[in-house]
């Protein structure tokens, strides 16, 4: 599993704000406790807590989230 990029992690507040602007504050998970269920997918042998989780409610929001993540050089793991 790749190591987290410190340059991206340093922009976490900016990234979170950009995602909240798209999906709303109630649909961005940022707290360590709430991120725990998202640290693995399928293969529980590999665990990496995500920086943030966005929960888009429409196809348009999915597209906008992906565009913002691409612009901010944030890797995305769909789930």
PDB file of N, CA and C in Angstrom:
ATOM      1  N   UNK A   1       0.849  -1.176   0.000  1.00  0.00           N
ATOM      2  CA  UNK A   1       0.000   0.000   0.000  1.00  0.00           C
ATOM      3  C   UNK A   1       0.896   1.241   0.000  1.00  0.00           C
ATOM      4  N   UNK A   2       0.608   2.226  -0.840  1.00  0.00           N
ATOM      5  CA  UNK A   2       1.459   3.420  -0.888  1.00  0.00           C
ATOM      6  C   UNK A   2       1.363   4.239   0.398  1.00  0.00           C
ATOM      7  N   UNK A   3       2.446   4.906   0.705  1.00  0.00           N
ATOM      8  CA  UNK A   3       2.466   5.788   1.872  1.00  0.00           C
ATOM      9  C   UNK A   3       1.664   7.056   1.569  1.00  0.00           C
ATOM     10  N   UNK A   4       0.981   7.604   2.578  1.00  0.00           N
ATOM     11  CA  UNK A   4       0.264   8.866   2.379  1.00  0.00           C
ATOM     12  C   UNK A   4       1.233   9.985   1.980  1.00  0.00           C
ATOM     13  N   UNK A   5       0.785  10.860   1.114  1.00  0.00           N
ATOM     14  CA  UNK A   5       1.591  11.976   0.627  1.00  0.00           C
ATOM     15  C   UNK A   5       1.471  13.149   1.603  1.00  0.00           C
ATOM     16  N   UNK A   6       2.557  13.530   2.279  1.00  0.00           N
ATOM     17  CA  UNK A   6       2.496  14.630   3.249  1.00  0.00           C
ATOM     18  C   UNK A   6       2.000  15.943   2.642  1.00  0.00           C
ATOM     19  N   UNK A   7       2.316  16.202   1.384  1.00  0.00           N
ATOM     20  CA  UNK A   7       1.865  17.442   0.741  1.00  0.00           C
ATOM     21  C   UNK A   7       0.345  17.465   0.600  1.00  0.00           C
ATOM     22  N   UNK A   8      -0.236  16.321   0.298  1.00  0.00           N
ATOM     23  CA  UNK A   8      -1.700  16.233   0.194  1.00  0.00           C
ATOM     24  C   UNK A   8      -2.315  16.313   1.588  1.00  0.00           C
ATOM     25  N   UNK A   9      -1.751  15.610   2.540  1.00  0.00           N
ATOM     26  CA  UNK A   9      -2.273  15.641   3.912  1.00  0.00           C
ATOM     27  C   UNK A   9      -2.265  17.058   4.482  1.00  0.00           C
ATOM     28  N   UNK A  10      -1.282  17.849   4.119  1.00  0.00           N
ATOM     29  CA  UNK A  10      -1.200  19.227   4.603  1.00  0.00           C
ATOM     30  C   UNK A  10      -2.359  20.081   4.082  1.00  0.00           C
ATOM     31  N   UNK A  11      -2.945  19.662   2.958  1.00  0.00           N
ATOM     32  CA  UNK A  11      -4.075  20.401   2.376  1.00  0.00           C
ATOM     33  C   UNK A  11      -5.426  19.832   2.807  1.00  0.00           C
ATOM     34  N   UNK A  12      -5.425  18.979   3.806  1.00  0.00           N
ATOM     35  CA  UNK A  12      -6.669  18.322   4.249  1.00  0.00           C
ATOM     36  C   UNK A  12      -7.805  19.316   4.504  1.00  0.00           C
ATOM     37  N   UNK A  13      -7.580  20.423   5.235  1.00  0.00           N
ATOM     38  CA  UNK A  13      -8.692  21.365   5.455  1.00  0.00           C
ATOM     39  C   UNK A  13      -9.259  21.936   4.156  1.00  0.00           C
ATOM     40  N   UNK A  14      -8.397  22.287   3.216  1.00  0.00           N
ATOM     41  CA  UNK A  14      -8.846  22.820   1.923  1.00  0.00           C
ATOM     42  C   UNK A  14      -9.640  21.765   1.156  1.00  0.00           C
ATOM     43  N   UNK A  15      -9.161  20.540   1.180  1.00  0.00           N
ATOM     44  CA  UNK A  15      -9.836  19.446   0.476  1.00  0.00           C
ATOM     45  C   UNK A  15     -11.201  19.188   1.103  1.00  0.00           C
ATOM     46  N   UNK A  16     -11.248  19.155   2.432  1.00  0.00           N
ATOM     47  CA  UNK A  16     -12.520  18.933   3.131  1.00  0.00           C
ATOM     48  C   UNK A  16     -13.521  20.034   2.793  1.00  0.00           C
ATOM     49  N   UNK A  17     -13.067  21.277   2.786  1.00  0.00           N
ATOM     50  CA  UNK A  17     -13.961  22.393   2.444  1.00  0.00           C
ATOM     51  C   UNK A  17     -14.489  22.267   1.018  1.00  0.00           C
ATOM     52  N   UNK A  18     -13.626  21.866   0.101  1.00  0.00           N
ATOM     53  CA  UNK A  18     -14.049  21.706  -1.299  1.00  0.00           C
ATOM     54  C   UNK A  18     -15.096  20.605  -1.426  1.00  0.00           C
ATOM     55  N   UNK A  19     -14.902  19.509  -0.701  1.00  0.00           N
ATOM     56  CA  UNK A  19     -15.877  18.414  -0.747  1.00  0.00           C
ATOM     57  C   UNK A  19     -17.193  18.822  -0.089  1.00  0.00           C
ATOM     58  N   UNK A  20     -17.113  19.534   1.027  1.00  0.00           N
ATOM     59  CA  UNK A  20     -18.337  20.006   1.707  1.00  0.00           C
ATOM     60  C   UNK A  20     -19.141  20.943   0.815  1.00  0.00           C
ATOM     61  N   UNK A  21     -18.445  21.735   0.019  1.00  0.00           N
ATOM     62  CA  UNK A  21     -19.133  22.654  -0.895  1.00  0.00           C
ATOM     63  C   UNK A  21     -19.932  21.896  -1.951  1.00  0.00           C
ATOM     64  N   UNK A  22     -19.531  20.670  -2.227  1.00  0.00           N
ATOM     65  CA  UNK A  22     -20.221  19.862  -3.237  1.00  0.00           C
ATOM     66  C   UNK A  22     -21.328  19.023  -2.620  1.00  0.00           C
ATOM     67  N   UNK A  23     -21.010  18.267  -1.574  1.00  0.00           N
ATOM     68  CA  UNK A  23     -21.965  17.284  -1.039  1.00  0.00           C
ATOM     69  C   UNK A  23     -22.632  17.721   0.255  1.00  0.00           C
ATOM     70  N   UNK A  24     -22.193  18.820   0.836  1.00  0.00           N
ATOM     71  CA  UNK A  24     -22.745  19.285   2.101  1.00  0.00           C
ATOM     72  C   UNK A  24     -21.944  18.732   3.275  1.00  0.00           C
ATOM     73  N   UNK A  25     -21.915  19.500   4.343  1.00  0.00           N
ATOM     74  CA  UNK A  25     -21.108  19.138   5.516  1.00  0.00           C
ATOM     75  C   UNK A  25     -21.516  17.805   6.125  1.00  0.00           C
ATOM     76  N   UNK A  26     -22.808  17.480   6.064  1.00  0.00           N
ATOM     77  CA  UNK A  26     -23.287  16.222   6.657  1.00  0.00           C
ATOM     78  C   UNK A  26     -22.857  14.993   5.863  1.00  0.00           C
ATOM     79  N   UNK A  27     -22.290  15.203   4.681  1.00  0.00           N
ATOM     80  CA  UNK A  27     -21.923  14.079   3.819  1.00  0.00           C
ATOM     81  C   UNK A  27     -20.413  13.973   3.582  1.00  0.00           C
ATOM     82  N   UNK A  28     -19.646  14.627   4.452  1.00  0.00           N
ATOM     83  CA  UNK A  28     -18.186  14.482   4.453  1.00  0.00           C
ATOM     84  C   UNK A  28     -17.789  13.973   5.828  1.00  0.00           C
ATOM     85  N   UNK A  29     -17.138  12.832   5.857  1.00  0.00           N
ATOM     86  CA  UNK A  29     -16.695  12.224   7.112  1.00  0.00           C
ATOM     87  C   UNK A  29     -15.232  12.577   7.306  1.00  0.00           C
ATOM     88  N   UNK A  30     -14.936  13.166   8.476  1.00  0.00           N
ATOM     89  CA  UNK A  30     -13.570  13.617   8.731  1.00  0.00           C
ATOM     90  C   UNK A  30     -13.021  13.164  10.078  1.00  0.00           C
ATOM     91  N   UNK A  31     -13.888  12.737  10.984  1.00  0.00           N
ATOM     92  CA  UNK A  31     -13.405  12.366  12.317  1.00  0.00           C
ATOM     93  C   UNK A  31     -12.795  10.970  12.301  1.00  0.00           C
ATOM     94  N   UNK A  32     -11.746  10.805  13.083  1.00  0.00           N
ATOM     95  CA  UNK A  32     -11.022   9.530  13.132  1.00  0.00           C
ATOM     96  C   UNK A  32     -11.949   8.363  13.461  1.00  0.00           C
ATOM     97  N   UNK A  33     -12.850   8.565  14.397  1.00  0.00           N
ATOM     98  CA  UNK A  33     -13.773   7.503  14.803  1.00  0.00           C
ATOM     99  C   UNK A  33     -14.700   7.106  13.661  1.00  0.00           C
ATOM    100  N   UNK A  34     -15.244   8.089  12.981  1.00  0.00           N
ATOM    101  CA  UNK A  34     -16.180   7.806  11.888  1.00  0.00           C
ATOM    102  C   UNK A  34     -15.484   7.258  10.642  1.00  0.00           C
ATOM    103  N   UNK A  35     -14.192   7.515  10.495  1.00  0.00           N
ATOM    104  CA  UNK A  35     -13.440   7.007   9.342  1.00  0.00           C
ATOM    105  C   UNK A  35     -13.059   5.538   9.503  1.00  0.00           C
ATOM    106  N   UNK A  36     -13.088   5.022  10.725  1.00  0.00           N
ATOM    107  CA  UNK A  36     -12.640   3.655  11.019  1.00  0.00           C
ATOM    108  C   UNK A  36     -13.275   2.602  10.103  1.00  0.00           C
ATOM    109  N   UNK A  37     -14.589   2.606   9.882  1.00  0.00           N
ATOM    110  CA  UNK A  37     -15.185   1.573   9.017  1.00  0.00           C
ATOM    111  C   UNK A  37     -14.701   1.624   7.563  1.00  0.00           C
ATOM    112  N   UNK A  38     -14.085   2.710   7.167  1.00  0.00           N
ATOM    113  CA  UNK A  38     -13.647   2.880   5.780  1.00  0.00           C
ATOM    114  C   UNK A  38     -12.170   2.550   5.576  1.00  0.00           C
ATOM    115  N   UNK A  39     -11.501   2.027   6.606  1.00  0.00           N
ATOM    116  CA  UNK A  39     -10.057   1.780   6.489  1.00  0.00           C
ATOM    117  C   UNK A  39      -9.706   0.519   5.717  1.00  0.00           C
ATOM    118  N   UNK A  40     -10.680  -0.320   5.449  1.00  0.00           N
ATOM    119  CA  UNK A  40     -10.415  -1.499   4.627  1.00  0.00           C
ATOM    120  C   UNK A  40     -11.642  -1.793   3.774  1.00  0.00           C
ATOM    121  N   UNK A  41     -11.412  -2.559   2.722  1.00  0.00           N
ATOM    122  CA  UNK A  41     -12.504  -2.894   1.820  1.00  0.00           C
ATOM    123  C   UNK A  41     -12.248  -4.290   1.268  1.00  0.00           C
ATOM    124  N   UNK A  42     -13.064  -5.221   1.620  1.00  0.00           N
ATOM    125  CA  UNK A  42     -12.893  -6.587   1.123  1.00  0.00           C
ATOM    126  C   UNK A  42     -11.774  -7.326   1.833  1.00  0.00           C
ATOM    127  N   UNK A  43     -10.542  -6.999   1.501  1.00  0.00           N
ATOM    128  CA  UNK A  43      -9.387  -7.642   2.128  1.00  0.00           C
ATOM    129  C   UNK A  43      -9.020  -6.882   3.399  1.00  0.00           C
ATOM    130  N   UNK A  44      -9.417  -7.397   4.529  1.00  0.00           N
ATOM    131  CA  UNK A  44      -9.153  -6.700   5.787  1.00  0.00           C
ATOM    132  C   UNK A  44      -7.703  -6.812   6.227  1.00  0.00           C
ATOM    133  N   UNK A  45      -6.891  -7.576   5.500  1.00  0.00           N
ATOM    134  CA  UNK A  45      -5.467  -7.662   5.829  1.00  0.00           C
ATOM    135  C   UNK A  45      -4.758  -6.341   5.529  1.00  0.00           C
ATOM    136  N   UNK A  46      -5.321  -5.557   4.627  1.00  0.00           N
ATOM    137  CA  UNK A  46      -4.739  -4.268   4.262  1.00  0.00           C
ATOM    138  C   UNK A  46      -5.615  -3.160   4.822  1.00  0.00           C
ATOM    139  N   UNK A  47      -5.043  -2.394   5.732  1.00  0.00           N
ATOM    140  CA  UNK A  47      -5.806  -1.317   6.365  1.00  0.00           C
ATOM    141  C   UNK A  47      -5.066   0.004   6.198  1.00  0.00           C
ATOM    142  N   UNK A  48      -5.802   1.007   5.781  1.00  0.00           N
ATOM    143  CA  UNK A  48      -5.260   2.356   5.665  1.00  0.00           C
ATOM    144  C   UNK A  48      -6.420   3.318   5.882  1.00  0.00           C
ATOM    145  N   UNK A  49      -6.402   4.057   6.973  1.00  0.00           N
ATOM    146  CA  UNK A  49      -7.511   4.995   7.174  1.00  0.00           C
ATOM    147  C   UNK A  49      -7.511   6.072   6.089  1.00  0.00           C
ATOM    148  N   UNK A  50      -8.667   6.389   5.559  1.00  0.00           N
ATOM    149  CA  UNK A  50      -8.729   7.441   4.543  1.00  0.00           C
ATOM    150  C   UNK A  50      -8.548   8.815   5.175  1.00  0.00           C
ATOM    151  N   UNK A  51      -8.118   9.754   4.377  1.00  0.00           N
ATOM    152  CA  UNK A  51      -7.985  11.126   4.853  1.00  0.00           C
ATOM    153  C   UNK A  51      -9.371  11.707   5.122  1.00  0.00           C
ATOM    154  N   UNK A  52     -10.289  11.457   4.204  1.00  0.00           N
ATOM    155  CA  UNK A  52     -11.669  11.936   4.276  1.00  0.00           C
ATOM    156  C   UNK A  52     -12.545  10.954   3.521  1.00  0.00           C
ATOM    157  N   UNK A  53     -13.845  11.023   3.778  1.00  0.00           N
ATOM    158  CA  UNK A  53     -14.809  10.255   2.996  1.00  0.00           C
ATOM    159  C   UNK A  53     -15.906  11.217   2.559  1.00  0.00           C
ATOM    160  N   UNK A  54     -16.199  11.227   1.273  1.00  0.00           N
ATOM    161  CA  UNK A  54     -17.309  12.009   0.733  1.00  0.00           C
ATOM    162  C   UNK A  54     -18.405  11.040   0.323  1.00  0.00           C
ATOM    163  N   UNK A  55     -19.635  11.394   0.641  1.00  0.00           N
ATOM    164  CA  UNK A  55     -20.788  10.556   0.314  1.00  0.00           C
ATOM    165  C   UNK A  55     -21.716  11.332  -0.624  1.00  0.00           C
ATOM    166  N   UNK A  56     -21.406  11.328  -1.918  1.00  0.00           N
ATOM    167  CA  UNK A  56     -22.240  12.059  -2.867  1.00  0.00           C
ATOM    168  C   UNK A  56     -23.625  11.437  -2.984  1.00  0.00           C
ATOM    169  N   UNK A  57     -24.597  12.285  -3.273  1.00  0.00           N
ATOM    170  CA  UNK A  57     -25.971  11.820  -3.354  1.00  0.00           C
ATOM    171  C   UNK A  57     -26.516  11.715  -4.765  1.00  0.00           C
ATOM    172  N   UNK A  58     -25.714  12.056  -5.759  1.00  0.00           N
ATOM    173  CA  UNK A  58     -26.177  11.992  -7.149  1.00  0.00           C
ATOM    174  C   UNK A  58     -24.982  11.776  -8.074  1.00  0.00           C
ATOM    175  N   UNK A  59     -25.283  11.421  -9.295  1.00  0.00           N
ATOM    176  CA  UNK A  59     -24.232  11.260 -10.293  1.00  0.00           C
ATOM    177  C   UNK A  59     -23.485  12.560 -10.543  1.00  0.00           C
ATOM    178  N   UNK A  60     -24.211  13.665 -10.509  1.00  0.00           N
ATOM    179  CA  UNK A  60     -23.582  14.973 -10.688  1.00  0.00           C
ATOM    180  C   UNK A  60     -22.583  15.245  -9.566  1.00  0.00           C
ATOM    181  N   UNK A  61     -22.963  14.923  -8.332  1.00  0.00           N
ATOM    182  CA  UNK A  61     -22.047  15.119  -7.203  1.00  0.00           C
ATOM    183  C   UNK A  61     -20.829  14.210  -7.318  1.00  0.00           C
ATOM    184  N   UNK A  62     -21.029  12.982  -7.773  1.00  0.00           N
ATOM    185  CA  UNK A  62     -19.888  12.070  -7.976  1.00  0.00           C
ATOM    186  C   UNK A  62     -18.910  12.702  -8.966  1.00  0.00           C
ATOM    187  N   UNK A  63     -19.425  13.185 -10.084  1.00  0.00           N
ATOM    188  CA  UNK A  63     -18.574  13.794 -11.107  1.00  0.00           C
ATOM    189  C   UNK A  63     -17.845  15.018 -10.563  1.00  0.00           C
ATOM    190  N   UNK A  64     -18.545  15.837  -9.802  1.00  0.00           N
ATOM    191  CA  UNK A  64     -17.925  17.043  -9.242  1.00  0.00           C
ATOM    192  C   UNK A  64     -16.858  16.692  -8.215  1.00  0.00           C
ATOM    193  N   UNK A  65     -17.121  15.689  -7.370  1.00  0.00           N
ATOM    194  CA  UNK A  65     -16.124  15.244  -6.390  1.00  0.00           C
ATOM    195  C   UNK A  65     -14.873  14.753  -7.110  1.00  0.00           C
ATOM    196  N   UNK A  66     -15.052  13.951  -8.144  1.00  0.00           N
ATOM    197  CA  UNK A  66     -13.902  13.427  -8.879  1.00  0.00           C
ATOM    198  C   UNK A  66     -13.110  14.538  -9.566  1.00  0.00           C
ATOM    199  N   UNK A  67     -13.804  15.534 -10.104  1.00  0.00           N
ATOM    200  CA  UNK A  67     -13.098  16.656 -10.738  1.00  0.00           C
ATOM    201  C   UNK A  67     -12.272  17.434  -9.715  1.00  0.00           C
ATOM    202  N   UNK A  68     -12.855  17.690  -8.547  1.00  0.00           N
ATOM    203  CA  UNK A  68     -12.134  18.420  -7.499  1.00  0.00           C
ATOM    204  C   UNK A  68     -10.934  17.611  -7.015  1.00  0.00           C
ATOM    205  N   UNK A  69     -11.130  16.325  -6.800  1.00  0.00           N
ATOM    206  CA  UNK A  69     -10.018  15.481  -6.346  1.00  0.00           C
ATOM    207  C   UNK A  69      -8.903  15.439  -7.385  1.00  0.00           C
ATOM    208  N   UNK A  70      -9.263  15.378  -8.646  1.00  0.00           N
ATOM    209  CA  UNK A  70      -8.255  15.396  -9.699  1.00  0.00           C
ATOM    210  C   UNK A  70      -7.500  16.726  -9.684  1.00  0.00           C
ATOM    211  N   UNK A  71      -8.228  17.819  -9.573  1.00  0.00           N
ATOM    212  CA  UNK A  71      -7.599  19.142  -9.569  1.00  0.00           C
ATOM    213  C   UNK A  71      -6.668  19.324  -8.370  1.00  0.00           C
ATOM    214  N   UNK A  72      -7.034  18.725  -7.234  1.00  0.00           N
ATOM    215  CA  UNK A  72      -6.233  18.854  -6.012  1.00  0.00           C
ATOM    216  C   UNK A  72      -5.234  17.712  -5.846  1.00  0.00           C
ATOM    217  N   UNK A  73      -5.149  16.838  -6.833  1.00  0.00           N
ATOM    218  CA  UNK A  73      -4.226  15.693  -6.831  1.00  0.00           C
ATOM    219  C   UNK A  73      -4.453  14.766  -5.634  1.00  0.00           C
ATOM    220  N   UNK A  74      -5.730  14.474  -5.390  1.00  0.00           N
ATOM    221  CA  UNK A  74      -6.131  13.572  -4.312  1.00  0.00           C
ATOM    222  C   UNK A  74      -6.505  12.234  -4.932  1.00  0.00           C
ATOM    223  N   UNK A  75      -5.907  11.174  -4.438  1.00  0.00           N
ATOM    224  CA  UNK A  75      -6.249   9.833  -4.919  1.00  0.00           C
ATOM    225  C   UNK A  75      -7.612   9.441  -4.368  1.00  0.00           C
ATOM    226  N   UNK A  76      -8.392   8.752  -5.196  1.00  0.00           N
ATOM    227  CA  UNK A  76      -9.753   8.362  -4.836  1.00  0.00           C
ATOM    228  C   UNK A  76      -9.864   6.843  -4.850  1.00  0.00           C
ATOM    229  N   UNK A  77     -10.503   6.319  -3.815  1.00  0.00           N
ATOM    230  CA  UNK A  77     -10.831   4.895  -3.763  1.00  0.00           C
ATOM    231  C   UNK A  77     -12.349   4.805  -3.709  1.00  0.00           C
ATOM    232  N   UNK A  78     -13.000   4.397  -4.800  1.00  0.00           N
ATOM    233  CA  UNK A  78     -14.461   4.287  -4.782  1.00  0.00           C
ATOM    234  C   UNK A  78     -14.896   3.110  -3.934  1.00  0.00           C
ATOM    235  N   UNK A  79     -16.034   3.252  -3.345  1.00  0.00           N
ATOM    236  CA  UNK A  79     -16.534   2.171  -2.506  1.00  0.00           C
ATOM    237  C   UNK A  79     -18.030   2.083  -2.628  1.00  0.00           C
TER     238      UNK A  79
END
